[in-house]
PDB file of all heavy atoms in Angstrom:
ATOM      1  N   ARG A   1      -3.241  -3.290   8.874  1.00  0.00           N
ATOM      2  CA  ARG A   1      -3.928  -3.714   7.654  1.00  0.00           C
ATOM      3  C   ARG A   1      -5.349  -3.124   7.691  1.00  0.00           C
ATOM      4  O   ARG A   1      -5.895  -2.646   6.723  1.00  0.00           O
ATOM      5  CB  ARG A   1      -3.992  -5.198   7.564  1.00  0.00           C
ATOM      6  CG  ARG A   1      -4.532  -5.734   6.340  1.00  0.00           C
ATOM      7  CD  ARG A   1      -4.495  -7.259   6.274  1.00  0.00           C
ATOM      8  NE  ARG A   1      -3.190  -7.832   6.481  1.00  0.00           N
ATOM      9  CZ  ARG A   1      -2.966  -9.132   6.625  1.00  0.00           C
ATOM     10  NH1 ARG A   1      -3.976  -9.937   6.507  1.00  0.00           N
ATOM     11  NH2 ARG A   1      -1.803  -9.518   6.849  1.00  0.00           N
ATOM     12  N   GLN A   2      -6.034  -3.260   8.754  1.00  0.00           N
ATOM     13  CA  GLN A   2      -7.415  -2.736   8.884  1.00  0.00           C
ATOM     14  C   GLN A   2      -7.533  -1.275   8.682  1.00  0.00           C
ATOM     15  O   GLN A   2      -8.310  -0.789   7.899  1.00  0.00           O
ATOM     16  CB  GLN A   2      -8.014  -3.144  10.176  1.00  0.00           C
ATOM     17  CG  GLN A   2      -9.442  -2.638  10.458  1.00  0.00           C
ATOM     18  CD  GLN A   2      -9.899  -2.925  11.897  1.00  0.00           C
ATOM     19  OE1 GLN A   2      -9.185  -3.610  12.690  1.00  0.00           O
ATOM     20  NE2 GLN A   2     -11.170  -2.519  12.218  1.00  0.00           N
ATOM     21  N   LEU A   3      -6.599  -0.597   9.308  1.00  0.00           N
ATOM     22  CA  LEU A   3      -6.580   0.920   9.178  1.00  0.00           C
ATOM     23  C   LEU A   3      -6.185   1.323   7.808  1.00  0.00           C
ATOM     24  O   LEU A   3      -6.781   2.359   7.232  1.00  0.00           O
ATOM     25  CB  LEU A   3      -5.664   1.557  10.271  1.00  0.00           C
ATOM     26  CG  LEU A   3      -6.077   1.304  11.754  1.00  0.00           C
ATOM     27  CD1 LEU A   3      -4.971   1.735  12.680  1.00  0.00           C
ATOM     28  CD2 LEU A   3      -7.369   2.109  11.955  1.00  0.00           C
ATOM     29  N   TYR A   4      -5.208   0.653   7.215  1.00  0.00           N
ATOM     30  CA  TYR A   4      -4.847   0.991   5.845  1.00  0.00           C
ATOM     31  C   TYR A   4      -5.967   0.755   4.848  1.00  0.00           C
ATOM     32  O   TYR A   4      -6.211   1.635   3.963  1.00  0.00           O
ATOM     33  CB  TYR A   4      -3.577   0.196   5.415  1.00  0.00           C
ATOM     34  CG  TYR A   4      -3.464   0.358   3.869  1.00  0.00           C
ATOM     35  CD1 TYR A   4      -2.912   1.574   3.379  1.00  0.00           C
ATOM     36  CD2 TYR A   4      -3.767  -0.647   2.960  1.00  0.00           C
ATOM     37  CE1 TYR A   4      -2.744   1.740   1.957  1.00  0.00           C
ATOM     38  CE2 TYR A   4      -3.679  -0.343   1.626  1.00  0.00           C
ATOM     39  CZ  TYR A   4      -3.128   0.735   1.117  1.00  0.00           C
ATOM     40  OH  TYR A   4      -3.033   0.988  -0.162  1.00  0.00           O
ATOM     41  N   GLY A   5      -6.739  -0.268   5.075  1.00  0.00           N
ATOM     42  CA  GLY A   5      -7.885  -0.585   4.164  1.00  0.00           C
ATOM     43  C   GLY A   5      -8.895   0.561   4.178  1.00  0.00           C
ATOM     44  O   GLY A   5      -9.455   0.881   3.088  1.00  0.00           O
ATOM     45  N   ALA A   6      -9.201   1.033   5.387  1.00  0.00           N
ATOM     46  CA  ALA A   6     -10.089   2.185   5.462  1.00  0.00           C
ATOM     47  C   ALA A   6      -9.526   3.482   4.847  1.00  0.00           C
ATOM     48  O   ALA A   6     -10.232   4.200   4.169  1.00  0.00           O
ATOM     49  CB  ALA A   6     -10.395   2.503   6.965  1.00  0.00           C
ATOM     50  N   TYR A   7      -8.275   3.695   5.020  1.00  0.00           N
ATOM     51  CA  TYR A   7      -7.597   4.833   4.423  1.00  0.00           C
ATOM     52  C   TYR A   7      -7.544   4.700   2.907  1.00  0.00           C
ATOM     53  O   TYR A   7      -7.967   5.660   2.215  1.00  0.00           O
ATOM     54  CB  TYR A   7      -6.103   4.852   4.871  1.00  0.00           C
ATOM     55  CG  TYR A   7      -5.176   5.763   3.978  1.00  0.00           C
ATOM     56  CD1 TYR A   7      -5.220   7.107   4.008  1.00  0.00           C
ATOM     57  CD2 TYR A   7      -4.235   5.172   3.181  1.00  0.00           C
ATOM     58  CE1 TYR A   7      -4.479   7.888   3.257  1.00  0.00           C
ATOM     59  CE2 TYR A   7      -3.457   5.906   2.319  1.00  0.00           C
ATOM     60  CZ  TYR A   7      -3.500   7.309   2.423  1.00  0.00           C
ATOM     61  OH  TYR A   7      -2.726   8.076   1.617  1.00  0.00           O
ATOM     62  N   ASP A   8      -7.235   3.465   2.356  1.00  0.00           N
ATOM     63  CA  ASP A   8      -7.200   3.446   0.902  1.00  0.00           C
ATOM     64  C   ASP A   8      -8.592   3.511   0.286  1.00  0.00           C
ATOM     65  O   ASP A   8      -8.703   4.102  -0.822  1.00  0.00           O
ATOM     66  CB  ASP A   8      -6.587   1.935   0.523  1.00  0.00           C
ATOM     67  CG  ASP A   8      -6.085   1.882  -0.892  1.00  0.00           C
ATOM     68  OD1 ASP A   8      -5.375   2.857  -1.376  1.00  0.00           O
ATOM     69  OD2 ASP A   8      -6.477   0.945  -1.554  1.00  0.00           O
ATOM     70  N   GLU A   9      -9.640   3.061   0.904  1.00  0.00           N
ATOM     71  CA  GLU A   9     -10.982   3.141   0.298  1.00  0.00           C
ATOM     72  C   GLU A   9     -11.407   4.625   0.325  1.00  0.00           C
ATOM     73  O   GLU A   9     -12.254   4.970  -0.496  1.00  0.00           O
ATOM     74  CB  GLU A   9     -11.859   2.319   1.263  1.00  0.00           C
ATOM     75  CG  GLU A   9     -11.780   0.823   1.087  1.00  0.00           C
ATOM     76  CD  GLU A   9     -12.650   0.142   2.039  1.00  0.00           C
ATOM     77  OE1 GLU A   9     -13.524   0.690   2.687  1.00  0.00           O
ATOM     78  OE2 GLU A   9     -12.686  -1.151   2.059  1.00  0.00           O
ATOM     79  N   SER A  10     -10.811   5.475   1.129  1.00  0.00           N
ATOM     80  CA  SER A  10     -11.183   6.885   1.310  1.00  0.00           C
ATOM     81  C   SER A  10     -10.515   7.630   0.115  1.00  0.00           C
ATOM     82  O   SER A  10     -10.869   8.840  -0.065  1.00  0.00           O
ATOM     83  CB  SER A  10     -10.892   7.430   2.598  1.00  0.00           C
ATOM     84  OG  SER A  10      -9.454   7.512   2.816  1.00  0.00           O
ATOM     85  N   ARG A  11      -9.476   7.153  -0.515  1.00  0.00           N
ATOM     86  CA  ARG A  11      -8.771   7.785  -1.522  1.00  0.00           C
ATOM     87  C   ARG A  11      -9.505   7.763  -2.931  1.00  0.00           C
ATOM     88  O   ARG A  11     -10.221   6.814  -3.202  1.00  0.00           O
ATOM     89  CB  ARG A  11      -7.329   7.240  -1.669  1.00  0.00           C
ATOM     90  CG  ARG A  11      -6.477   7.457  -0.474  1.00  0.00           C
ATOM     91  CD  ARG A  11      -5.143   6.803  -0.828  1.00  0.00           C
ATOM     92  NE  ARG A  11      -4.478   7.341  -1.948  1.00  0.00           N
ATOM     93  CZ  ARG A  11      -3.713   8.494  -1.991  1.00  0.00           C
ATOM     94  NH1 ARG A  11      -3.423   9.032  -0.941  1.00  0.00           N
ATOM     95  NH2 ARG A  11      -3.110   8.853  -3.067  1.00  0.00           N
ATOM     96  N   GLU A  12      -9.289   8.810  -3.741  1.00  0.00           N
ATOM     97  CA  GLU A  12      -9.786   8.727  -5.015  1.00  0.00           C
ATOM     98  C   GLU A  12      -8.641   8.408  -5.951  1.00  0.00           C
ATOM     99  O   GLU A  12      -7.481   9.016  -5.891  1.00  0.00           O
ATOM    100  CB  GLU A  12     -10.338  10.111  -5.390  1.00  0.00           C
ATOM    101  CG  GLU A  12     -11.626  10.417  -4.697  1.00  0.00           C
ATOM    102  CD  GLU A  12     -12.273  11.811  -5.106  1.00  0.00           C
ATOM    103  OE1 GLU A  12     -11.683  12.309  -5.979  1.00  0.00           O
ATOM    104  OE2 GLU A  12     -13.237  12.076  -4.432  1.00  0.00           O
ATOM    105  N   GLY A  13      -8.735   7.541  -6.930  1.00  0.00           N
ATOM    106  CA  GLY A  13      -7.774   7.200  -7.890  1.00  0.00           C
ATOM    107  C   GLY A  13      -6.858   6.064  -7.454  1.00  0.00           C
ATOM    108  O   GLY A  13      -6.125   5.611  -8.259  1.00  0.00           O
ATOM    109  N   GLY A  14      -6.963   5.593  -6.250  1.00  0.00           N
ATOM    110  CA  GLY A  14      -6.186   4.298  -5.790  1.00  0.00           C
ATOM    111  C   GLY A  14      -4.760   4.752  -5.713  1.00  0.00           C
ATOM    112  O   GLY A  14      -4.331   5.875  -5.613  1.00  0.00           O
ATOM    113  N   GLY A  15      -3.896   3.784  -5.720  1.00  0.00           N
ATOM    114  CA  GLY A  15      -2.424   3.933  -5.667  1.00  0.00           C
ATOM    115  C   GLY A  15      -1.955   4.329  -4.256  1.00  0.00           C
ATOM    116  O   GLY A  15      -0.845   4.809  -3.978  1.00  0.00           O
ATOM    117  N   GLY A  16      -2.763   4.054  -3.230  1.00  0.00           N
ATOM    118  CA  GLY A  16      -2.444   4.446  -1.876  1.00  0.00           C
ATOM    119  C   GLY A  16      -1.266   3.826  -1.273  1.00  0.00           C
ATOM    120  O   GLY A  16      -0.392   4.561  -0.669  1.00  0.00           O
ATOM    121  N   PHE A  17      -1.064   2.532  -1.426  1.00  0.00           N
ATOM    122  CA  PHE A  17      -0.076   1.843  -0.756  1.00  0.00           C
ATOM    123  C   PHE A  17       1.324   2.475  -1.234  1.00  0.00           C
ATOM    124  O   PHE A  17       2.212   2.760  -0.464  1.00  0.00           O
ATOM    125  CB  PHE A  17      -0.020   0.352  -0.984  1.00  0.00           C
ATOM    126  CG  PHE A  17       0.881  -0.482  -0.185  1.00  0.00           C
ATOM    127  CD1 PHE A  17       0.615  -0.856   1.098  1.00  0.00           C
ATOM    128  CD2 PHE A  17       2.182  -0.663  -0.740  1.00  0.00           C
ATOM    129  CE1 PHE A  17       1.630  -1.518   1.875  1.00  0.00           C
ATOM    130  CE2 PHE A  17       3.205  -1.433  -0.025  1.00  0.00           C
ATOM    131  CZ  PHE A  17       2.842  -1.843   1.318  1.00  0.00           C
ATOM    132  N   CYS A  18       1.545   2.494  -2.584  1.00  0.00           N
ATOM    133  CA  CYS A  18       2.886   2.870  -3.138  1.00  0.00           C
ATOM    134  C   CYS A  18       3.179   4.362  -2.848  1.00  0.00           C
ATOM    135  O   CYS A  18       4.353   4.843  -2.920  1.00  0.00           O
ATOM    136  CB  CYS A  18       2.962   2.586  -4.599  1.00  0.00           C
ATOM    137  SG  CYS A  18       2.963   0.860  -4.936  1.00  0.00           S
ATOM    138  N   ARG A  19       2.189   5.188  -2.544  1.00  0.00           N
ATOM    139  CA  ARG A  19       2.470   6.619  -2.232  1.00  0.00           C
ATOM    140  C   ARG A  19       2.483   6.779  -0.736  1.00  0.00           C
ATOM    141  O   ARG A  19       2.999   7.872  -0.326  1.00  0.00           O
ATOM    142  CB  ARG A  19       1.277   7.451  -2.800  1.00  0.00           C
ATOM    143  CG  ARG A  19       1.321   7.437  -4.256  1.00  0.00           C
ATOM    144  CD  ARG A  19       0.508   8.536  -4.914  1.00  0.00           C
ATOM    145  NE  ARG A  19       0.389   8.473  -6.432  1.00  0.00           N
ATOM    146  CZ  ARG A  19       1.461   9.010  -7.161  1.00  0.00           C
ATOM    147  NH1 ARG A  19       2.529   9.637  -6.557  1.00  0.00           N
ATOM    148  NH2 ARG A  19       1.424   8.878  -8.468  1.00  0.00           N
ATOM    149  N   LEU A  20       2.035   5.870   0.036  1.00  0.00           N
ATOM    150  CA  LEU A  20       2.077   5.891   1.451  1.00  0.00           C
ATOM    151  C   LEU A  20       3.359   5.345   2.099  1.00  0.00           C
ATOM    152  O   LEU A  20       3.945   5.858   3.079  1.00  0.00           O
ATOM    153  CB  LEU A  20       0.870   5.369   2.145  1.00  0.00           C
ATOM    154  CG  LEU A  20       0.575   5.477   3.618  1.00  0.00           C
ATOM    155  CD1 LEU A  20       0.437   6.975   3.911  1.00  0.00           C
ATOM    156  CD2 LEU A  20      -0.706   4.750   3.984  1.00  0.00           C
ATOM    157  N   TYR A  21       3.923   4.264   1.456  1.00  0.00           N
ATOM    158  CA  TYR A  21       5.029   3.524   2.073  1.00  0.00           C
ATOM    159  C   TYR A  21       6.240   3.720   1.267  1.00  0.00           C
ATOM    160  O   TYR A  21       6.198   4.004   0.116  1.00  0.00           O
ATOM    161  CB  TYR A  21       4.613   2.016   2.161  1.00  0.00           C
ATOM    162  CG  TYR A  21       3.619   1.802   3.169  1.00  0.00           C
ATOM    163  CD1 TYR A  21       2.217   1.711   2.907  1.00  0.00           C
ATOM    164  CD2 TYR A  21       3.914   1.582   4.537  1.00  0.00           C
ATOM    165  CE1 TYR A  21       1.216   1.497   3.824  1.00  0.00           C
ATOM    166  CE2 TYR A  21       2.968   1.280   5.448  1.00  0.00           C
ATOM    167  CZ  TYR A  21       1.581   1.293   5.040  1.00  0.00           C
ATOM    168  OH  TYR A  21       0.678   1.071   6.107  1.00  0.00           O
ATOM    169  N   GLY A  22       7.447   3.463   1.961  1.00  0.00           N
ATOM    170  CA  GLY A  22       8.746   3.672   1.320  1.00  0.00           C
ATOM    171  C   GLY A  22       9.245   2.424   0.575  1.00  0.00           C
ATOM    172  O   GLY A  22       8.655   1.283   0.794  1.00  0.00           O
ATOM    173  N   PRO A  23      10.305   2.447  -0.073  1.00  0.00           N
ATOM    174  CA  PRO A  23      10.775   1.372  -0.897  1.00  0.00           C
ATOM    175  C   PRO A  23      11.373   0.219  -0.015  1.00  0.00           C
ATOM    176  O   PRO A  23      11.632  -0.892  -0.527  1.00  0.00           O
ATOM    177  CB  PRO A  23      12.108   1.980  -1.625  1.00  0.00           C
ATOM    178  CG  PRO A  23      12.371   3.217  -0.911  1.00  0.00           C
ATOM    179  CD  PRO A  23      11.110   3.748  -0.338  1.00  0.00           C
ATOM    180  N   GLU A  24      11.372   0.389   1.356  1.00  0.00           N
ATOM    181  CA  GLU A  24      11.858  -0.748   2.180  1.00  0.00           C
ATOM    182  C   GLU A  24      10.763  -1.755   2.131  1.00  0.00           C
ATOM    183  O   GLU A  24      11.044  -2.917   2.626  1.00  0.00           O
ATOM    184  CB  GLU A  24      12.122  -0.205   3.617  1.00  0.00           C
ATOM    185  CG  GLU A  24      10.903   0.266   4.301  1.00  0.00           C
ATOM    186  CD  GLU A  24      10.557   1.680   4.097  1.00  0.00           C
ATOM    187  OE1 GLU A  24      11.197   2.329   3.321  1.00  0.00           O
ATOM    188  OE2 GLU A  24       9.572   2.193   4.708  1.00  0.00           O
ATOM    189  N   GLU A  25       9.615  -1.527   1.690  1.00  0.00           N
ATOM    190  CA  GLU A  25       8.516  -2.559   1.629  1.00  0.00           C
ATOM    191  C   GLU A  25       8.568  -3.399   0.445  1.00  0.00           C
ATOM    192  O   GLU A  25       7.856  -4.368   0.284  1.00  0.00           O
ATOM    193  CB  GLU A  25       7.079  -1.796   1.639  1.00  0.00           C
ATOM    194  CG  GLU A  25       6.717  -0.902   2.827  1.00  0.00           C
ATOM    195  CD  GLU A  25       6.609  -1.884   4.063  1.00  0.00           C
ATOM    196  OE1 GLU A  25       6.254  -3.068   3.896  1.00  0.00           O
ATOM    197  OE2 GLU A  25       6.775  -1.378   5.237  1.00  0.00           O
ATOM    198  N   ILE A  26       9.387  -3.067  -0.553  1.00  0.00           N
ATOM    199  CA  ILE A  26       9.447  -3.692  -1.826  1.00  0.00           C
ATOM    200  C   ILE A  26      10.047  -5.145  -1.648  1.00  0.00           C
ATOM    201  O   ILE A  26       9.437  -6.217  -2.156  1.00  0.00           O
ATOM    202  CB  ILE A  26      10.337  -3.018  -2.852  1.00  0.00           C
ATOM    203  CG1 ILE A  26       9.621  -1.712  -3.268  1.00  0.00           C
ATOM    204  CG2 ILE A  26      10.588  -3.865  -4.122  1.00  0.00           C
ATOM    205  CD1 ILE A  26      10.432  -0.812  -4.211  1.00  0.00           C
ATOM    206  N   PRO A  27      11.215  -5.375  -0.999  1.00  0.00           N
ATOM    207  CA  PRO A  27      11.818  -6.765  -0.999  1.00  0.00           C
ATOM    208  C   PRO A  27      10.869  -7.787  -0.434  1.00  0.00           C
ATOM    209  O   PRO A  27      10.800  -8.945  -0.930  1.00  0.00           O
ATOM    210  CB  PRO A  27      13.083  -6.565  -0.078  1.00  0.00           C
ATOM    211  CG  PRO A  27      13.512  -5.137  -0.313  1.00  0.00           C
ATOM    212  CD  PRO A  27      12.099  -4.449  -0.386  1.00  0.00           C
ATOM    213  N   GLY A  28      10.158  -7.454   0.673  1.00  0.00           N
ATOM    214  CA  GLY A  28       9.266  -8.479   1.318  1.00  0.00           C
ATOM    215  C   GLY A  28       8.090  -8.898   0.432  1.00  0.00           C
ATOM    216  O   GLY A  28       7.415  -9.858   0.720  1.00  0.00           O
ATOM    217  N   ASN A  29       7.755  -8.111  -0.562  1.00  0.00           N
ATOM    218  CA  ASN A  29       6.607  -8.414  -1.448  1.00  0.00           C
ATOM    219  C   ASN A  29       7.014  -9.050  -2.728  1.00  0.00           C
ATOM    220  O   ASN A  29       6.146  -9.366  -3.524  1.00  0.00           O
ATOM    221  CB  ASN A  29       5.896  -7.144  -1.714  1.00  0.00           C
ATOM    222  CG  ASN A  29       4.961  -6.666  -0.497  1.00  0.00           C
ATOM    223  OD1 ASN A  29       3.945  -7.332  -0.215  1.00  0.00           O
ATOM    224  ND2 ASN A  29       5.543  -5.748   0.269  1.00  0.00           N
ATOM    225  N   ILE A  30       8.285  -9.275  -3.028  1.00  0.00           N
ATOM    226  CA  ILE A  30       8.659  -9.821  -4.303  1.00  0.00           C
ATOM    227  C   ILE A  30       8.282 -11.319  -4.576  1.00  0.00           C
ATOM    228  O   ILE A  30       7.966 -11.692  -5.593  1.00  0.00           O
ATOM    229  CB  ILE A  30      10.214  -9.620  -4.454  1.00  0.00           C
ATOM    230  CG1 ILE A  30      10.563  -8.147  -4.666  1.00  0.00           C
ATOM    231  CG2 ILE A  30      10.746 -10.380  -5.679  1.00  0.00           C
ATOM    232  CD1 ILE A  30       9.847  -7.412  -5.818  1.00  0.00           C
ATOM    233  N   GLY A  31       8.319 -12.092  -3.474  1.00  0.00           N
ATOM    234  CA  GLY A  31       8.048 -13.443  -3.625  1.00  0.00           C
ATOM    235  C   GLY A  31       6.580 -13.641  -4.193  1.00  0.00           C
ATOM    236  O   GLY A  31       6.436 -14.354  -5.043  1.00  0.00           O
ATOM    237  N   GLY A  32       5.553 -12.956  -3.592  1.00  0.00           N
ATOM    238  CA  GLY A  32       4.199 -12.931  -4.081  1.00  0.00           C
ATOM    239  C   GLY A  32       4.104 -12.373  -5.445  1.00  0.00           C
ATOM    240  O   GLY A  32       3.363 -12.825  -6.373  1.00  0.00           O
ATOM    241  N   PHE A  33       4.874 -11.311  -5.826  1.00  0.00           N
ATOM    242  CA  PHE A  33       4.767 -10.695  -7.026  1.00  0.00           C
ATOM    243  C   PHE A  33       5.314 -11.623  -8.248  1.00  0.00           C
ATOM    244  O   PHE A  33       4.576 -11.811  -9.173  1.00  0.00           O
ATOM    245  CB  PHE A  33       5.805  -9.526  -7.168  1.00  0.00           C
ATOM    246  CG  PHE A  33       5.984  -8.836  -8.449  1.00  0.00           C
ATOM    247  CD1 PHE A  33       4.786  -8.338  -9.228  1.00  0.00           C
ATOM    248  CD2 PHE A  33       7.136  -8.855  -9.038  1.00  0.00           C
ATOM    249  CE1 PHE A  33       4.989  -7.711 -10.360  1.00  0.00           C
ATOM    250  CE2 PHE A  33       7.369  -8.267 -10.334  1.00  0.00           C
ATOM    251  CZ  PHE A  33       6.231  -7.759 -11.059  1.00  0.00           C
TER     252      PHE A  33
END
């Protein structure tokens, strides 16, 4: 999480998580969504 935060802040235009990770990350985030 710490390293991803540094990576995402270095990107222009945002959208880092959804371009970096695959669809296997979707199910575990649906409850919060």
